[in-house]
Amino acid sequence: MKKFIKLSGTLLIAFILLSGLSSCVRSEHEYPVSIKKNFMKGCLSSPATNEKICDCMFDKIQKKYTYKEFLKIDKQITKGHTPKDYMDFIEKAAMECVKNKKKNGNSNK
């Protein structure tokens, strides 16, 4: 019986440690902070946007594209070719974010 209790305790500790480690693993849709900072910097350079709109757009991008997909799109954009489906998505996301801003008030920050 003592062996069973000891084994159960060991398994419980192992389970707790493993479940803690799994929370350290990034989601496929989680981007590094530097990516968001760069996006926000570029987005905020447009006079038609503000922090809420840019944040909303980034959230939509992050939900739709995995980090790996986003990097692939970014590479294409850097080479001078923006995929049409990405542009269509960005335009739609921007319109939705502007609409949400108007619905929730016109504050800039």
C-alpha atoms as a PDB file:
ATOM      1  CA  MET A   1       0.000   0.000   0.000  1.00  0.00           C
ATOM      2  CA  LYS A   2       2.838   2.391   0.851  1.00  0.00           C
ATOM      3  CA  LYS A   3       4.377   1.733  -2.572  1.00  0.00           C
ATOM      4  CA  PHE A   4       1.041   2.556  -4.240  1.00  0.00           C
ATOM      5  CA  ILE A   5       0.701   5.840  -2.328  1.00  0.00           C
ATOM      6  CA  LYS A   6       4.320   6.751  -3.108  1.00  0.00           C
ATOM      7  CA  LEU A   7       3.807   5.936  -6.794  1.00  0.00           C
ATOM      8  CA  SER A   8       0.558   7.933  -6.893  1.00  0.00           C
ATOM      9  CA  GLY A   9       2.300  10.913  -5.303  1.00  0.00           C
ATOM     10  CA  THR A  10       5.162  10.686  -7.799  1.00  0.00           C
ATOM     11  CA  LEU A  11       2.761  10.475 -10.731  1.00  0.00           C
ATOM     12  CA  LEU A  12       0.795  13.448  -9.404  1.00  0.00           C
ATOM     13  CA  ILE A  13       3.964  15.547  -9.123  1.00  0.00           C
ATOM     14  CA  ALA A  14       5.041  14.506 -12.631  1.00  0.00           C
ATOM     15  CA  PHE A  15       1.615  15.428 -13.996  1.00  0.00           C
ATOM     16  CA  ILE A  16       1.733  18.842 -12.322  1.00  0.00           C
ATOM     17  CA  LEU A  17       5.227  19.505 -13.705  1.00  0.00           C
ATOM     18  CA  LEU A  18       4.266  18.424 -17.219  1.00  0.00           C
ATOM     19  CA  SER A  19       1.082  20.461 -17.260  1.00  0.00           C
ATOM     20  CA  GLY A  20       3.097  23.480 -16.126  1.00  0.00           C
ATOM     21  CA  LEU A  21       5.600  22.961 -18.931  1.00  0.00           C
ATOM     22  CA  SER A  22       2.891  22.631 -21.543  1.00  0.00           C
ATOM     23  CA  SER A  23       1.652  26.098 -20.685  1.00  0.00           C
ATOM     24  CA  CYS A  24       5.115  27.427 -21.664  1.00  0.00           C
ATOM     25  CA  VAL A  25       4.672  26.164 -25.213  1.00  0.00           C
ATOM     26  CA  ARG A  26       3.537  28.905 -27.570  1.00  0.00           C
ATOM     27  CA  SER A  27       0.306  28.667 -29.449  1.00  0.00           C
ATOM     28  CA  GLU A  28       0.637  28.637 -33.242  1.00  0.00           C
ATOM     29  CA  HIS A  29      -1.251  31.936 -33.249  1.00  0.00           C
ATOM     30  CA  GLU A  30       0.910  33.621 -30.612  1.00  0.00           C
ATOM     31  CA  TYR A  31       3.383  36.090 -32.101  1.00  0.00           C
ATOM     32  CA  PRO A  32       6.530  37.470 -30.448  1.00  0.00           C
ATOM     33  CA  VAL A  33       6.134  40.896 -28.829  1.00  0.00           C
ATOM     34  CA  SER A  34       8.569  42.377 -31.368  1.00  0.00           C
ATOM     35  CA  ILE A  35       6.204  41.496 -34.229  1.00  0.00           C
ATOM     36  CA  LYS A  36       3.317  43.324 -32.572  1.00  0.00           C
ATOM     37  CA  LYS A  37       5.529  46.340 -31.832  1.00  0.00           C
ATOM     38  CA  ASN A  38       6.617  46.538 -35.482  1.00  0.00           C
ATOM     39  CA  PHE A  39       3.051  46.151 -36.704  1.00  0.00           C
ATOM     40  CA  MET A  40       1.772  48.825 -34.347  1.00  0.00           C
ATOM     41  CA  LYS A  41       4.554  51.213 -35.357  1.00  0.00           C
ATOM     42  CA  GLY A  42       3.698  50.822 -39.037  1.00  0.00           C
ATOM     43  CA  CYS A  43      -0.037  50.929 -38.471  1.00  0.00           C
ATOM     44  CA  LEU A  44       0.107  54.022 -36.265  1.00  0.00           C
ATOM     45  CA  SER A  45       2.083  55.888 -38.923  1.00  0.00           C
ATOM     46  CA  SER A  46      -1.165  56.164 -40.885  1.00  0.00           C
ATOM     47  CA  PRO A  47      -3.191  59.259 -39.958  1.00  0.00           C
ATOM     48  CA  ALA A  48      -6.441  57.298 -40.394  1.00  0.00           C
ATOM     49  CA  THR A  49      -5.691  54.934 -37.502  1.00  0.00           C
ATOM     50  CA  ASN A  50      -5.184  55.004 -33.769  1.00  0.00           C
ATOM     51  CA  GLU A  51      -4.024  52.533 -31.146  1.00  0.00           C
ATOM     52  CA  LYS A  52      -7.439  50.862 -30.752  1.00  0.00           C
ATOM     53  CA  ILE A  53      -7.864  50.316 -34.499  1.00  0.00           C
ATOM     54  CA  CYS A  54      -4.309  48.992 -34.924  1.00  0.00           C
ATOM     55  CA  ASP A  55      -4.658  46.707 -31.903  1.00  0.00           C
ATOM     56  CA  CYS A  56      -7.954  45.403 -33.261  1.00  0.00           C
ATOM     57  CA  MET A  57      -6.391  44.724 -36.668  1.00  0.00           C
ATOM     58  CA  PHE A  58      -3.426  42.920 -35.127  1.00  0.00           C
ATOM     59  CA  ASP A  59      -5.794  40.723 -33.107  1.00  0.00           C
ATOM     60  CA  LYS A  60      -7.681  39.796 -36.280  1.00  0.00           C
ATOM     61  CA  ILE A  61      -4.448  38.967 -38.111  1.00  0.00           C
ATOM     62  CA  GLN A  62      -3.234  36.875 -35.197  1.00  0.00           C
ATOM     63  CA  LYS A  63      -6.499  34.933 -35.039  1.00  0.00           C
ATOM     64  CA  LYS A  64      -6.543  34.209 -38.777  1.00  0.00           C
ATOM     65  CA  TYR A  65      -2.880  33.459 -39.450  1.00  0.00           C
ATOM     66  CA  THR A  66      -0.489  31.271 -37.511  1.00  0.00           C
ATOM     67  CA  TYR A  67       2.870  32.853 -36.794  1.00  0.00           C
ATOM     68  CA  LYS A  68       4.430  30.650 -39.471  1.00  0.00           C
ATOM     69  CA  GLU A  69       1.827  31.781 -42.045  1.00  0.00           C
ATOM     70  CA  PHE A  70       2.351  35.405 -41.054  1.00  0.00           C
ATOM     71  CA  LEU A  71       6.123  35.098 -41.572  1.00  0.00           C
ATOM     72  CA  LYS A  72       5.542  33.631 -45.030  1.00  0.00           C
ATOM     73  CA  ILE A  73       3.228  36.535 -45.956  1.00  0.00           C
ATOM     74  CA  ASP A  74       5.690  39.050 -44.497  1.00  0.00           C
ATOM     75  CA  LYS A  75       8.476  37.563 -46.624  1.00  0.00           C
ATOM     76  CA  GLN A  76       6.303  37.934 -49.756  1.00  0.00           C
ATOM     77  CA  ILE A  77       5.499  41.551 -48.856  1.00  0.00           C
ATOM     78  CA  THR A  78       9.201  42.280 -48.311  1.00  0.00           C
ATOM     79  CA  LYS A  79       9.878  40.948 -51.815  1.00  0.00           C
ATOM     80  CA  GLY A  80       7.272  43.373 -53.192  1.00  0.00           C
ATOM     81  CA  HIS A  81       4.361  40.961 -53.621  1.00  0.00           C
ATOM     82  CA  THR A  82       1.449  41.305 -51.219  1.00  0.00           C
ATOM     83  CA  PRO A  83      -0.906  38.321 -51.564  1.00  0.00           C
ATOM     84  CA  LYS A  84      -4.363  39.401 -52.742  1.00  0.00           C
ATOM     85  CA  ASP A  85      -6.186  37.318 -50.128  1.00  0.00           C
ATOM     86  CA  TYR A  86      -4.113  39.005 -47.400  1.00  0.00           C
ATOM     87  CA  MET A  87      -4.900  42.483 -48.767  1.00  0.00           C
ATOM     88  CA  ASP A  88      -8.596  41.612 -48.961  1.00  0.00           C
ATOM     89  CA  PHE A  89      -8.496  40.360 -45.374  1.00  0.00           C
ATOM     90  CA  ILE A  90      -6.658  43.477 -44.131  1.00  0.00           C
ATOM     91  CA  GLU A  91      -9.134  45.810 -45.834  1.00  0.00           C
ATOM     92  CA  LYS A  92     -12.072  43.939 -44.309  1.00  0.00           C
ATOM     93  CA  ALA A  93     -10.397  43.852 -40.880  1.00  0.00           C
ATOM     94  CA  ALA A  94      -9.689  47.593 -41.027  1.00  0.00           C
ATOM     95  CA  MET A  95     -13.293  48.374 -41.906  1.00  0.00           C
ATOM     96  CA  GLU A  96     -14.574  46.174 -39.067  1.00  0.00           C
ATOM     97  CA  CYS A  97     -12.165  47.772 -36.584  1.00  0.00           C
ATOM     98  CA  VAL A  98     -13.156  51.300 -37.639  1.00  0.00           C
ATOM     99  CA  LYS A  99     -16.828  50.330 -37.372  1.00  0.00           C
ATOM    100  CA  ASN A 100     -16.226  48.906 -33.871  1.00  0.00           C
ATOM    101  CA  LYS A 101     -14.426  52.094 -32.870  1.00  0.00           C
ATOM    102  CA  LYS A 102     -17.363  54.205 -33.976  1.00  0.00           C
ATOM    103  CA  LYS A 103     -19.782  51.918 -32.154  1.00  0.00           C
ATOM    104  CA  ASN A 104     -17.739  52.132 -28.937  1.00  0.00           C
ATOM    105  CA  GLY A 105     -17.043  55.860 -29.102  1.00  0.00           C
ATOM    106  CA  ASN A 106     -14.644  58.082 -30.964  1.00  0.00           C
ATOM    107  CA  SER A 107     -11.860  58.349 -28.435  1.00  0.00           C
ATOM    108  CA  ASN A 108      -8.362  58.208 -29.931  1.00  0.00           C
ATOM    109  CA  LYS A 109      -6.685  56.180 -27.201  1.00  0.00           C
END
